[in-house]
């Protein structure tokens, strides 16, 4: 049985492209999460304020 190197090369290139895409997407999502958690959250609703004041 002969190894078809062309098919292996295509699969390897697709796998590398997929990994690169996932890394890029993860970095983009991480930036969104960091911005979300660093956003000003000082505006609490009345219900949240009441829960924090009960302590």
Protein backbone atom coordinates (compact mmCIF):
# COMPACT_ATOMS: atom_id res chain seq x y z
CA UNK A 1 0.00 0.00 0.00
CA UNK A 2 1.50 3.26 -1.14
CA UNK A 3 1.32 6.42 0.99
CA UNK A 4 -0.28 9.30 -0.86
CA UNK A 5 1.79 12.27 0.32
CA UNK A 6 -0.40 14.81 -1.46
CA UNK A 7 -3.44 13.86 0.62
CA UNK A 8 -1.40 13.91 3.82
CA UNK A 9 -0.03 17.37 2.94
CA UNK A 10 -3.53 18.75 2.27
CA UNK A 11 -4.84 17.36 5.57
CA UNK A 12 -1.82 18.79 7.43
CA UNK A 13 -2.31 22.25 5.88
CA UNK A 14 -6.02 22.21 6.77
CA UNK A 15 -5.20 21.16 10.34
CA UNK A 16 -2.62 23.94 10.72
CA UNK A 17 -5.05 26.49 9.29
CA UNK A 18 -7.76 25.33 11.71
CA UNK A 19 -5.43 25.64 14.71
CA UNK A 20 -4.32 29.12 13.59
CA UNK A 21 -7.96 30.21 13.16
CA UNK A 22 -8.93 28.90 16.59
CA UNK A 23 -6.00 30.69 18.24
CA UNK A 24 -6.93 33.95 16.47
CA UNK A 25 -10.60 33.60 17.44
CA UNK A 26 -9.68 32.81 21.07
CA UNK A 27 -7.50 35.93 21.33
CA UNK A 28 -10.32 38.06 19.92
CA UNK A 29 -12.84 36.58 22.38
CA UNK A 30 -10.40 37.02 25.26
CA UNK A 31 -10.14 40.74 24.48
CA UNK A 32 -13.94 41.02 24.56
CA UNK A 33 -14.10 39.25 27.93
CA UNK A 34 -11.38 41.46 29.41
CA UNK A 35 -13.20 44.59 28.23
CA UNK A 36 -16.47 43.26 29.64
CA UNK A 37 -15.07 42.57 33.09
CA UNK A 38 -13.11 45.82 33.19
CA UNK A 39 -16.22 47.83 32.32
CA UNK A 40 -17.75 50.13 34.92
CA UNK A 41 -20.13 48.02 36.98
CA UNK A 42 -20.82 50.57 39.68
CA UNK A 43 -24.41 50.95 38.54
CA UNK A 44 -26.32 48.47 40.69
CA UNK A 45 -30.03 47.96 40.64
CA UNK A 46 -32.02 48.60 43.82
CA UNK A 47 -32.38 44.90 44.43
CA UNK A 48 -28.63 44.34 44.20
CA UNK A 49 -27.96 47.27 46.52
CA UNK A 50 -30.40 45.89 49.09
CA UNK A 51 -28.70 42.50 49.00
CA UNK A 52 -25.29 44.11 49.52
CA UNK A 53 -26.55 46.30 52.38
CA UNK A 54 -27.96 43.38 54.37
CA UNK A 55 -24.53 42.13 55.37
